[in-house]
N, C-alpha and C. Protein backbone atom coordinates (compact mmCIF):
# COMPACT_ATOMS: atom_id res chain seq x y z
N MET A 1 29.22 -35.90 22.17
CA MET A 1 29.20 -36.95 21.22
C MET A 1 30.27 -37.86 21.54
N SER A 2 29.97 -39.11 21.52
CA SER A 2 30.96 -40.20 21.77
C SER A 2 31.51 -40.61 20.46
N LYS A 3 32.61 -41.34 20.58
CA LYS A 3 33.51 -41.65 19.54
C LYS A 3 33.49 -43.27 19.31
N LEU A 4 33.57 -43.63 18.09
CA LEU A 4 33.53 -44.88 17.78
C LEU A 4 35.10 -45.60 18.13
N THR A 5 35.19 -46.58 19.07
CA THR A 5 36.47 -47.19 19.28
C THR A 5 36.49 -48.81 18.92
N THR A 6 37.41 -49.52 19.04
CA THR A 6 37.44 -50.89 18.51
C THR A 6 37.28 -51.77 19.75
N GLU A 7 36.22 -51.67 20.59
CA GLU A 7 36.03 -52.61 21.67
C GLU A 7 34.85 -53.53 21.44
N THR A 8 34.20 -53.55 20.06
CA THR A 8 33.33 -54.79 19.92
C THR A 8 33.80 -55.49 18.67
N CYS A 9 33.08 -56.66 18.55
CA CYS A 9 33.57 -57.73 17.56
C CYS A 9 32.44 -57.68 16.31
N ALA A 10 33.01 -58.20 15.18
CA ALA A 10 32.32 -58.23 13.87
C ALA A 10 31.19 -59.21 13.93
N SER A 11 30.14 -58.84 13.14
CA SER A 11 28.84 -59.62 13.32
C SER A 11 28.79 -60.57 11.97
N SER A 12 27.73 -61.32 12.07
CA SER A 12 27.38 -62.12 10.89
C SER A 12 27.14 -61.35 9.82
N PRO A 13 27.43 -61.77 8.47
CA PRO A 13 27.35 -60.93 7.31
C PRO A 13 25.85 -60.82 6.88
N ALA A 14 24.94 -61.87 7.07
CA ALA A 14 23.65 -61.85 6.48
C ALA A 14 22.96 -60.79 7.39
N LEU A 15 23.08 -60.66 8.77
CA LEU A 15 22.46 -59.67 9.22
C LEU A 15 22.83 -58.22 9.13
N THR A 16 24.19 -58.05 8.81
CA THR A 16 24.71 -56.80 8.43
C THR A 16 24.28 -56.40 7.01
N ASP A 17 24.08 -57.43 6.29
CA ASP A 17 23.55 -56.95 4.81
C ASP A 17 22.21 -56.64 5.06
N ILE A 18 21.42 -57.12 6.03
CA ILE A 18 19.98 -56.76 6.14
C ILE A 18 19.67 -55.49 6.89
N LEU A 19 20.44 -55.37 8.09
CA LEU A 19 20.27 -54.35 8.97
C LEU A 19 21.26 -52.99 8.69
N CYS A 20 22.34 -53.24 8.65
CA CYS A 20 23.42 -52.21 8.57
C CYS A 20 23.19 -51.50 7.24
N THR A 21 22.94 -52.19 6.16
CA THR A 21 22.76 -51.51 4.77
C THR A 21 21.28 -50.56 4.70
N ARG A 22 20.58 -50.77 5.72
CA ARG A 22 19.38 -50.01 5.72
C ARG A 22 19.65 -48.82 6.86
N CYS A 23 20.59 -48.78 7.47
CA CYS A 23 20.77 -47.91 8.64
C CYS A 23 21.96 -46.94 8.44
N GLY A 24 23.18 -47.34 8.68
CA GLY A 24 24.17 -46.19 8.23
C GLY A 24 24.32 -45.28 9.54
N LEU A 25 23.69 -45.43 10.69
CA LEU A 25 23.70 -44.42 11.68
C LEU A 25 25.33 -44.19 12.08
N CYS A 26 25.98 -45.32 12.33
CA CYS A 26 27.36 -45.25 12.81
C CYS A 26 28.15 -44.50 12.00
N CYS A 27 27.60 -44.26 10.79
CA CYS A 27 28.51 -43.47 9.97
C CYS A 27 27.99 -41.93 9.49
N ASP A 28 26.89 -41.81 9.71
CA ASP A 28 26.37 -40.50 9.34
C ASP A 28 26.40 -39.40 10.33
N GLY A 29 27.04 -39.61 11.47
CA GLY A 29 27.06 -38.58 12.46
C GLY A 29 25.85 -38.44 13.50
N SER A 30 25.18 -39.70 13.37
CA SER A 30 23.99 -39.83 14.50
C SER A 30 24.41 -40.39 15.70
N LEU A 31 25.26 -41.66 15.63
CA LEU A 31 25.67 -42.21 16.90
C LEU A 31 26.86 -41.58 17.43
N PHE A 32 28.06 -41.34 16.44
CA PHE A 32 29.30 -40.76 16.82
C PHE A 32 29.72 -39.58 16.19
N ALA A 33 30.53 -38.87 16.71
CA ALA A 33 31.02 -37.65 16.02
C ALA A 33 32.38 -38.03 15.23
N ASP A 34 33.10 -38.97 15.61
CA ASP A 34 34.07 -39.35 14.83
C ASP A 34 34.57 -40.80 15.20
N VAL A 35 35.50 -41.38 14.38
CA VAL A 35 36.12 -42.72 14.61
C VAL A 35 37.36 -42.72 14.83
N GLU A 36 37.82 -43.49 15.84
CA GLU A 36 39.16 -43.53 16.30
C GLU A 36 40.02 -44.46 15.28
N LEU A 37 40.95 -44.00 14.76
CA LEU A 37 41.88 -44.66 13.57
C LEU A 37 42.94 -45.39 14.36
N ALA A 38 43.30 -46.80 13.84
CA ALA A 38 44.25 -47.45 14.10
C ALA A 38 45.69 -47.07 14.21
N GLY A 39 46.09 -46.26 13.64
CA GLY A 39 47.50 -45.77 13.44
C GLY A 39 47.72 -44.84 12.04
N PRO A 40 48.83 -44.49 11.99
CA PRO A 40 49.27 -43.63 10.90
C PRO A 40 48.88 -44.17 9.50
N HIS A 41 49.21 -45.51 9.42
CA HIS A 41 48.83 -46.13 8.00
C HIS A 41 47.37 -45.98 7.69
N GLU A 42 46.54 -46.17 8.63
CA GLU A 42 45.28 -46.21 8.38
C GLU A 42 44.85 -44.77 8.05
N SER A 43 45.31 -43.85 8.87
CA SER A 43 44.98 -42.35 8.78
C SER A 43 45.32 -41.83 7.43
N LEU A 44 46.68 -42.18 6.76
CA LEU A 44 47.09 -41.75 5.62
C LEU A 44 46.28 -42.44 4.56
N SER A 45 46.05 -43.76 4.61
CA SER A 45 45.06 -44.19 3.61
C SER A 45 43.72 -43.64 3.29
N LEU A 46 43.11 -43.31 4.26
CA LEU A 46 41.92 -42.35 4.28
C LEU A 46 42.11 -41.15 3.88
N GLU A 47 43.07 -40.59 4.18
CA GLU A 47 43.34 -39.23 3.72
C GLU A 47 43.54 -39.24 2.16
N LEU A 48 44.20 -40.11 1.62
CA LEU A 48 44.40 -40.43 0.34
C LEU A 48 43.15 -40.81 -0.50
N LEU A 49 42.22 -41.23 0.23
CA LEU A 49 40.74 -41.60 -0.44
C LEU A 49 39.87 -40.25 -0.26
N GLY A 50 40.48 -39.17 0.32
CA GLY A 50 39.72 -38.06 0.34
C GLY A 50 38.79 -37.73 1.64
N LEU A 51 39.12 -38.61 2.57
CA LEU A 51 38.12 -38.38 3.76
C LEU A 51 38.82 -37.39 4.77
N ASP A 52 37.89 -36.83 5.58
CA ASP A 52 38.27 -35.93 6.57
C ASP A 52 38.75 -36.58 7.82
N VAL A 53 40.31 -36.43 8.02
CA VAL A 53 40.79 -37.04 9.01
C VAL A 53 41.58 -35.88 9.88
N GLU A 54 41.50 -36.12 11.29
CA GLU A 54 42.01 -34.98 12.06
C GLU A 54 42.82 -35.54 13.15
N ASP A 55 43.92 -35.11 13.39
CA ASP A 55 44.78 -35.25 14.56
C ASP A 55 44.00 -35.15 15.88
N ALA A 56 44.09 -36.33 16.65
CA ALA A 56 43.34 -36.29 17.92
C ALA A 56 44.02 -35.37 19.02
N GLY A 57 45.42 -35.21 18.88
CA GLY A 57 46.30 -34.52 19.83
C GLY A 57 46.66 -35.40 20.96
N ASP A 58 47.58 -34.98 21.86
CA ASP A 58 48.00 -35.73 22.94
C ASP A 58 48.39 -37.07 22.58
N ASP A 59 49.10 -37.25 21.54
CA ASP A 59 49.49 -38.86 21.05
C ASP A 59 48.50 -39.80 21.05
N GLU A 60 47.16 -39.24 20.74
CA GLU A 60 46.07 -40.30 20.79
C GLU A 60 45.67 -40.74 19.25
N GLY A 61 46.60 -40.39 18.30
CA GLY A 61 46.42 -40.77 16.91
C GLY A 61 45.54 -39.81 16.43
N ALA A 62 44.82 -40.39 15.40
CA ALA A 62 43.92 -39.65 14.46
C ALA A 62 42.49 -40.05 14.43
N LEU A 63 41.59 -39.22 14.03
CA LEU A 63 40.06 -39.32 13.95
C LEU A 63 39.56 -39.24 12.68
N LEU A 64 38.63 -40.10 12.14
CA LEU A 64 37.94 -39.97 10.91
C LEU A 64 36.61 -39.38 11.35
N LEU A 65 36.61 -37.75 10.81
CA LEU A 65 35.53 -37.20 11.23
C LEU A 65 34.15 -37.73 10.53
N LEU A 66 33.04 -37.44 11.30
CA LEU A 66 31.63 -37.92 10.76
C LEU A 66 30.89 -36.86 10.61
N PRO A 67 29.86 -36.65 9.71
CA PRO A 67 29.51 -37.76 8.89
C PRO A 67 30.63 -38.11 7.89
N CYS A 68 30.70 -39.52 7.58
CA CYS A 68 31.81 -39.90 6.86
C CYS A 68 31.49 -39.75 5.44
N GLY A 69 32.66 -39.03 4.76
CA GLY A 69 32.44 -38.82 3.31
C GLY A 69 32.31 -40.00 2.42
N ALA A 70 32.65 -41.24 2.89
CA ALA A 70 32.55 -42.36 2.09
C ALA A 70 31.10 -43.02 2.23
N LEU A 71 30.14 -42.37 2.94
CA LEU A 71 28.96 -43.13 3.02
C LEU A 71 28.09 -42.42 1.98
N ARG A 72 27.58 -43.41 1.05
CA ARG A 72 26.61 -43.08 -0.16
C ARG A 72 25.41 -43.75 0.28
N GLY A 73 24.41 -42.93 0.70
CA GLY A 73 23.11 -43.42 0.94
C GLY A 73 23.33 -43.92 2.39
N LYS A 74 23.19 -45.31 2.50
CA LYS A 74 23.49 -45.90 3.59
C LYS A 74 24.53 -46.99 3.63
N ARG A 75 25.26 -46.92 2.52
CA ARG A 75 26.29 -47.79 2.29
C ARG A 75 27.63 -47.24 2.10
N CYS A 76 28.69 -48.10 2.62
CA CYS A 76 30.03 -47.62 2.64
C CYS A 76 30.70 -47.63 1.16
N SER A 77 31.13 -46.66 0.67
CA SER A 77 31.70 -46.71 -0.70
C SER A 77 33.22 -47.05 -0.66
N ILE A 78 33.81 -47.29 0.37
CA ILE A 78 35.07 -47.78 0.59
C ILE A 78 35.15 -49.08 1.47
N TYR A 79 34.13 -49.80 1.29
CA TYR A 79 33.91 -50.98 2.32
C TYR A 79 35.06 -51.87 2.41
N PRO A 80 35.74 -52.09 1.37
CA PRO A 80 37.07 -53.04 1.67
C PRO A 80 38.16 -52.44 2.16
N HIS A 81 38.23 -50.96 2.32
CA HIS A 81 39.34 -50.14 2.82
C HIS A 81 38.79 -49.39 3.97
N ARG A 82 37.69 -49.70 4.53
CA ARG A 82 37.13 -49.13 5.72
C ARG A 82 38.07 -49.23 6.92
N PRO A 83 37.96 -48.36 7.99
CA PRO A 83 38.91 -48.59 9.19
C PRO A 83 38.72 -49.67 9.85
N GLU A 84 39.58 -50.18 10.69
CA GLU A 84 39.46 -51.35 11.70
C GLU A 84 38.42 -51.08 12.47
N CYS A 85 38.25 -49.88 13.05
CA CYS A 85 36.88 -49.77 13.89
C CYS A 85 35.70 -49.92 13.39
N CYS A 86 35.55 -49.52 12.06
CA CYS A 86 34.31 -49.75 11.29
C CYS A 86 34.14 -51.31 11.02
N ARG A 87 35.15 -51.97 10.84
CA ARG A 87 34.97 -53.41 10.67
C ARG A 87 34.47 -54.19 11.75
N THR A 88 34.94 -53.76 12.99
CA THR A 88 34.63 -54.44 14.32
C THR A 88 33.41 -53.97 14.91
N PHE A 89 32.83 -52.70 14.49
CA PHE A 89 31.72 -52.16 15.46
C PHE A 89 30.42 -53.07 15.31
N GLU A 90 29.87 -53.14 16.26
CA GLU A 90 28.43 -53.69 16.37
C GLU A 90 27.71 -52.94 17.15
N CYS A 91 26.46 -52.22 16.61
CA CYS A 91 25.58 -51.55 17.73
C CYS A 91 24.93 -52.57 18.50
N ARG A 92 24.38 -52.05 19.43
CA ARG A 92 23.61 -53.01 20.48
C ARG A 92 22.43 -53.69 19.72
N LEU A 93 21.68 -52.93 18.77
CA LEU A 93 20.55 -53.55 18.17
C LEU A 93 21.03 -54.82 17.40
N LEU A 94 22.17 -54.63 16.52
CA LEU A 94 22.58 -55.65 15.83
C LEU A 94 23.04 -56.89 16.63
N GLN A 95 23.56 -56.63 17.70
CA GLN A 95 24.19 -57.61 18.88
C GLN A 95 22.70 -58.39 19.27
N GLN A 96 21.63 -57.62 19.56
CA GLN A 96 20.40 -58.26 19.96
C GLN A 96 19.72 -58.99 19.00
N ALA A 97 19.79 -58.51 17.66
CA ALA A 97 19.12 -59.40 16.63
C ALA A 97 20.10 -60.56 16.45
N ARG A 98 21.27 -60.54 16.36
CA ARG A 98 22.10 -61.69 16.38
C ARG A 98 21.77 -62.82 17.34
N THR A 99 21.62 -62.41 18.62
CA THR A 99 21.46 -63.37 19.60
C THR A 99 19.84 -63.87 19.72
N GLY A 100 19.04 -63.17 18.97
CA GLY A 100 17.62 -63.42 18.99
C GLY A 100 16.77 -62.62 20.02
N ALA A 101 17.57 -61.92 20.60
CA ALA A 101 16.75 -60.92 21.91
C ALA A 101 15.76 -60.00 21.26
N VAL A 102 16.00 -59.58 19.84
CA VAL A 102 15.03 -58.77 19.16
C VAL A 102 15.00 -59.40 17.84
N SER A 103 13.75 -59.35 17.42
CA SER A 103 13.50 -59.81 16.16
C SER A 103 14.04 -59.19 15.02
N LEU A 104 14.16 -59.70 13.86
CA LEU A 104 14.54 -58.85 12.72
C LEU A 104 13.74 -57.87 12.32
N GLU A 105 12.22 -58.07 12.43
CA GLU A 105 11.25 -57.11 12.10
C GLU A 105 11.51 -56.00 13.23
N ARG A 106 11.53 -56.26 14.40
CA ARG A 106 11.64 -55.33 15.35
C ARG A 106 12.89 -54.44 15.19
N ALA A 107 13.80 -55.20 14.76
CA ALA A 107 15.17 -54.38 14.77
C ALA A 107 14.81 -53.33 13.54
N LYS A 108 14.24 -53.76 12.50
CA LYS A 108 13.97 -52.85 11.51
C LYS A 108 13.03 -51.73 11.83
N GLU A 109 12.05 -52.07 12.74
CA GLU A 109 11.19 -50.92 13.07
C GLU A 109 11.91 -49.89 13.95
N LYS A 110 12.92 -50.30 14.79
CA LYS A 110 13.81 -49.45 15.52
C LYS A 110 14.57 -48.67 14.84
N ILE A 111 15.07 -49.12 13.60
CA ILE A 111 15.86 -48.45 12.73
C ILE A 111 14.97 -47.39 12.12
N ALA A 112 13.79 -47.81 11.69
CA ALA A 112 12.70 -46.60 10.97
C ALA A 112 12.51 -45.76 12.11
N GLU A 113 12.40 -45.98 13.36
CA GLU A 113 11.82 -45.06 14.37
C GLU A 113 12.96 -44.13 14.61
N ALA A 114 14.29 -44.48 14.49
CA ALA A 114 15.39 -43.66 14.53
C ALA A 114 15.45 -42.56 13.43
N PHE A 115 15.17 -43.00 12.20
CA PHE A 115 15.10 -42.24 11.18
C PHE A 115 13.89 -41.24 11.14
N LYS A 116 12.76 -41.66 11.72
CA LYS A 116 11.80 -40.73 11.91
C LYS A 116 12.13 -39.53 12.96
N ARG A 117 12.76 -40.14 13.93
CA ARG A 117 13.11 -39.05 15.13
C ARG A 117 14.20 -37.93 14.49
N ILE A 118 15.07 -38.65 13.79
CA ILE A 118 16.13 -37.75 13.09
C ILE A 118 15.59 -36.74 12.04
N GLU A 119 14.56 -37.20 11.39
CA GLU A 119 14.04 -36.28 10.25
C GLU A 119 13.26 -35.17 11.08
N GLN A 120 12.55 -35.64 12.11
CA GLN A 120 11.82 -34.51 12.90
C GLN A 120 12.80 -33.46 13.46
N LEU A 121 13.95 -33.92 14.06
CA LEU A 121 14.99 -33.10 14.56
C LEU A 121 15.45 -32.17 13.32
N LYS A 122 15.78 -32.75 12.21
CA LYS A 122 16.36 -31.87 11.00
C LYS A 122 15.45 -30.78 10.73
N GLN A 123 13.97 -30.96 10.59
CA GLN A 123 12.92 -30.21 10.25
C GLN A 123 12.95 -28.97 11.38
N LEU A 124 13.02 -29.41 12.58
CA LEU A 124 13.29 -28.38 13.56
C LEU A 124 14.55 -27.39 13.43
N LEU A 125 15.60 -28.00 13.05
CA LEU A 125 16.71 -27.24 12.73
C LEU A 125 16.68 -26.22 11.65
N LEU A 126 15.86 -26.55 10.74
CA LEU A 126 15.38 -25.54 9.69
C LEU A 126 15.08 -24.19 10.20
N HIS A 127 14.59 -24.04 11.28
CA HIS A 127 14.14 -22.79 11.95
C HIS A 127 15.40 -22.13 12.66
N PHE A 128 16.55 -22.64 12.55
CA PHE A 128 17.76 -22.07 13.18
C PHE A 128 18.80 -21.76 12.26
N PRO A 129 19.64 -20.72 12.51
CA PRO A 129 20.69 -20.43 11.68
C PRO A 129 21.80 -21.50 11.96
N GLN A 130 22.43 -21.99 10.96
CA GLN A 130 23.53 -23.03 10.76
C GLN A 130 24.61 -22.59 10.06
N SER A 131 25.83 -22.79 10.36
CA SER A 131 27.03 -22.66 9.52
C SER A 131 27.53 -23.74 8.85
N ASN A 132 27.34 -24.95 9.39
CA ASN A 132 27.93 -26.09 8.84
C ASN A 132 27.03 -27.34 8.81
N GLU A 133 26.43 -27.61 7.89
CA GLU A 133 25.66 -28.78 7.73
C GLU A 133 26.32 -30.19 7.77
N ARG A 134 27.46 -30.04 7.79
CA ARG A 134 28.37 -31.36 7.56
C ARG A 134 28.67 -31.72 9.19
N LEU A 135 28.28 -31.07 10.00
CA LEU A 135 28.62 -31.50 11.36
C LEU A 135 27.67 -32.78 11.79
N PRO A 136 28.06 -33.35 12.80
CA PRO A 136 27.28 -34.58 13.25
C PRO A 136 25.97 -33.94 13.74
N LEU A 137 24.86 -34.59 13.78
CA LEU A 137 23.65 -34.08 14.21
C LEU A 137 23.61 -33.39 15.41
N LYS A 138 24.06 -33.96 16.46
CA LYS A 138 24.14 -33.43 17.89
C LYS A 138 24.83 -32.22 17.77
N GLU A 139 25.99 -32.05 17.19
CA GLU A 139 26.77 -30.76 17.12
C GLU A 139 26.16 -29.74 16.32
N ARG A 140 25.28 -30.23 15.33
CA ARG A 140 24.52 -29.19 14.61
C ARG A 140 23.37 -28.59 15.60
N CYS A 141 22.93 -29.42 16.35
CA CYS A 141 21.91 -28.77 17.27
C CYS A 141 22.57 -27.82 18.42
N LEU A 142 23.68 -28.28 18.83
CA LEU A 142 24.35 -27.46 19.84
C LEU A 142 24.79 -26.06 19.05
N GLU A 143 25.15 -26.08 17.80
CA GLU A 143 25.49 -24.89 17.13
C GLU A 143 24.27 -24.06 16.90
N ALA A 144 23.16 -24.65 16.58
CA ALA A 144 21.83 -23.92 16.44
C ALA A 144 21.47 -23.13 17.72
N PHE A 145 21.67 -23.75 18.77
CA PHE A 145 21.46 -23.23 20.20
C PHE A 145 22.38 -21.95 20.33
N ALA A 146 23.55 -22.08 20.04
CA ALA A 146 24.57 -21.14 20.08
C ALA A 146 24.34 -19.90 19.21
N LEU A 147 23.83 -20.16 17.91
CA LEU A 147 23.74 -19.21 17.03
C LEU A 147 22.39 -18.38 17.24
N SER A 148 21.49 -19.19 17.87
CA SER A 148 20.20 -18.54 17.79
C SER A 148 20.18 -17.75 19.34
N ALA A 149 21.06 -17.81 20.10
CA ALA A 149 21.11 -17.20 21.48
C ALA A 149 20.76 -15.80 21.37
N GLU A 150 21.17 -14.99 20.51
CA GLU A 150 21.03 -13.60 20.28
C GLU A 150 19.86 -13.28 19.31
N SER A 151 18.64 -14.04 19.16
CA SER A 151 17.59 -13.68 18.37
C SER A 151 16.98 -12.47 18.80
N ASN A 152 16.32 -11.58 18.14
CA ASN A 152 15.47 -10.47 18.57
C ASN A 152 14.08 -10.95 18.97
N ASP A 153 13.63 -12.20 18.41
CA ASP A 153 12.24 -12.68 18.67
C ASP A 153 12.30 -13.58 19.77
N LYS A 154 12.62 -13.16 20.98
CA LYS A 154 12.78 -13.90 22.01
C LYS A 154 11.81 -15.11 22.50
N HIS A 155 10.30 -14.50 22.31
CA HIS A 155 9.33 -15.54 22.72
C HIS A 155 9.39 -16.85 21.79
N GLU A 156 9.48 -16.48 20.46
CA GLU A 156 9.39 -17.63 19.50
C GLU A 156 10.71 -18.32 19.34
N THR A 157 11.90 -17.59 19.59
CA THR A 157 12.96 -18.37 19.72
C THR A 157 13.00 -19.43 20.97
N LYS A 158 12.56 -18.78 22.22
CA LYS A 158 12.50 -19.75 23.33
C LYS A 158 11.68 -20.93 23.02
N ARG A 159 10.58 -20.81 22.46
CA ARG A 159 9.60 -21.86 22.14
C ARG A 159 10.42 -22.95 21.31
N ARG A 160 10.85 -22.57 20.22
CA ARG A 160 11.82 -23.29 19.24
C ARG A 160 12.73 -24.10 19.74
N ARG A 161 13.71 -23.25 20.72
CA ARG A 161 14.80 -23.85 21.32
C ARG A 161 14.29 -25.10 22.41
N ALA A 162 13.11 -24.81 23.02
CA ALA A 162 12.51 -25.88 23.83
C ALA A 162 12.18 -26.94 23.08
N GLU A 163 11.47 -26.81 21.97
CA GLU A 163 11.26 -28.05 21.00
C GLU A 163 12.43 -28.67 20.54
N LEU A 164 13.48 -28.00 20.12
CA LEU A 164 14.67 -28.57 19.71
C LEU A 164 15.32 -29.34 20.86
N GLN A 165 15.32 -28.85 22.10
CA GLN A 165 16.00 -29.44 23.16
C GLN A 165 15.27 -30.83 23.48
N ILE A 166 13.80 -30.74 23.46
CA ILE A 166 13.15 -31.95 23.75
C ILE A 166 13.21 -33.05 22.71
N ALA A 167 13.41 -32.66 21.44
CA ALA A 167 13.60 -33.50 20.39
C ALA A 167 14.93 -34.21 20.43
N MET A 168 16.06 -33.25 20.70
CA MET A 168 17.46 -33.75 20.71
C MET A 168 17.59 -34.66 21.92
N THR A 169 16.91 -34.47 23.09
CA THR A 169 17.10 -35.27 24.21
C THR A 169 16.53 -36.75 24.04
N SER A 170 15.25 -36.58 23.29
CA SER A 170 14.47 -37.68 23.02
C SER A 170 15.39 -38.55 22.00
N LEU A 171 15.92 -38.20 21.11
CA LEU A 171 16.51 -38.89 20.04
C LEU A 171 17.79 -39.37 20.48
N ASP A 172 18.55 -38.52 21.62
CA ASP A 172 19.70 -39.08 22.06
C ASP A 172 19.40 -40.15 23.15
N ASN A 173 18.32 -40.07 23.89
CA ASN A 173 18.06 -41.11 24.76
C ASN A 173 17.77 -42.54 24.00
N PHE A 174 17.00 -42.33 22.78
CA PHE A 174 16.63 -43.44 22.05
C PHE A 174 17.92 -44.14 21.42
N ILE A 175 18.80 -43.13 21.03
CA ILE A 175 20.12 -43.68 20.35
C ILE A 175 20.86 -44.52 21.36
N GLN A 176 20.94 -43.88 22.58
CA GLN A 176 21.78 -44.46 23.82
C GLN A 176 21.12 -45.88 23.92
N LYS A 177 19.96 -45.96 24.33
CA LYS A 177 19.29 -47.24 24.55
C LYS A 177 19.33 -48.12 23.57
N THR A 178 19.02 -47.81 22.39
CA THR A 178 18.72 -48.74 21.24
C THR A 178 20.12 -49.22 20.56
N PHE A 179 21.00 -48.33 20.27
CA PHE A 179 22.18 -48.68 19.42
C PHE A 179 23.35 -48.65 20.23
N LEU A 180 23.40 -48.07 21.33
CA LEU A 180 24.82 -48.08 22.20
C LEU A 180 24.71 -48.82 23.59
N GLY A 181 23.52 -49.15 23.90
CA GLY A 181 23.36 -49.92 25.10
C GLY A 181 23.54 -49.14 26.37
N ARG A 182 23.24 -47.92 26.35
CA ARG A 182 23.41 -47.15 27.54
C ARG A 182 22.21 -46.49 27.94
N GLY A 183 21.98 -46.25 29.16
CA GLY A 183 20.88 -45.70 29.60
C GLY A 183 19.70 -46.48 29.82
């Protein structure tokens, strides 16, 4: 799972009010596993707000773990105090909507399609043992694979694992292409 870094610029408020507030995929663990923090002050501030911050190791700073504890529905509950990385991130879909390459209606449809695929994946995950539902979605899938590896019902487990793998790959490809501009 990739990490959100500060390599993009902020977008127009009108589009973020329309698209971002109905999406939240960059905060809920669907696009990223964590957010790279700007420094010790930002890290401490977020810890004081009760968010999960982890040392990245090797003098790389700290990471805000996702899904973000400040996400309420699809909105940030600490919006004025959000990390710099969150302030500047623009997904590919938002960039395309801003330039007119994708219509606002089409962007809304793509967000809805992402949520449909995510829900299908979550439904498949219900058939697998899980130890931590607070993990980012892709990590939950990988954990489900690992925990189901020793199942007694080999045929049914293999079938469900194949379904989960297909759904996970399909969602990842959709996310990479639609929101991250890769693939």
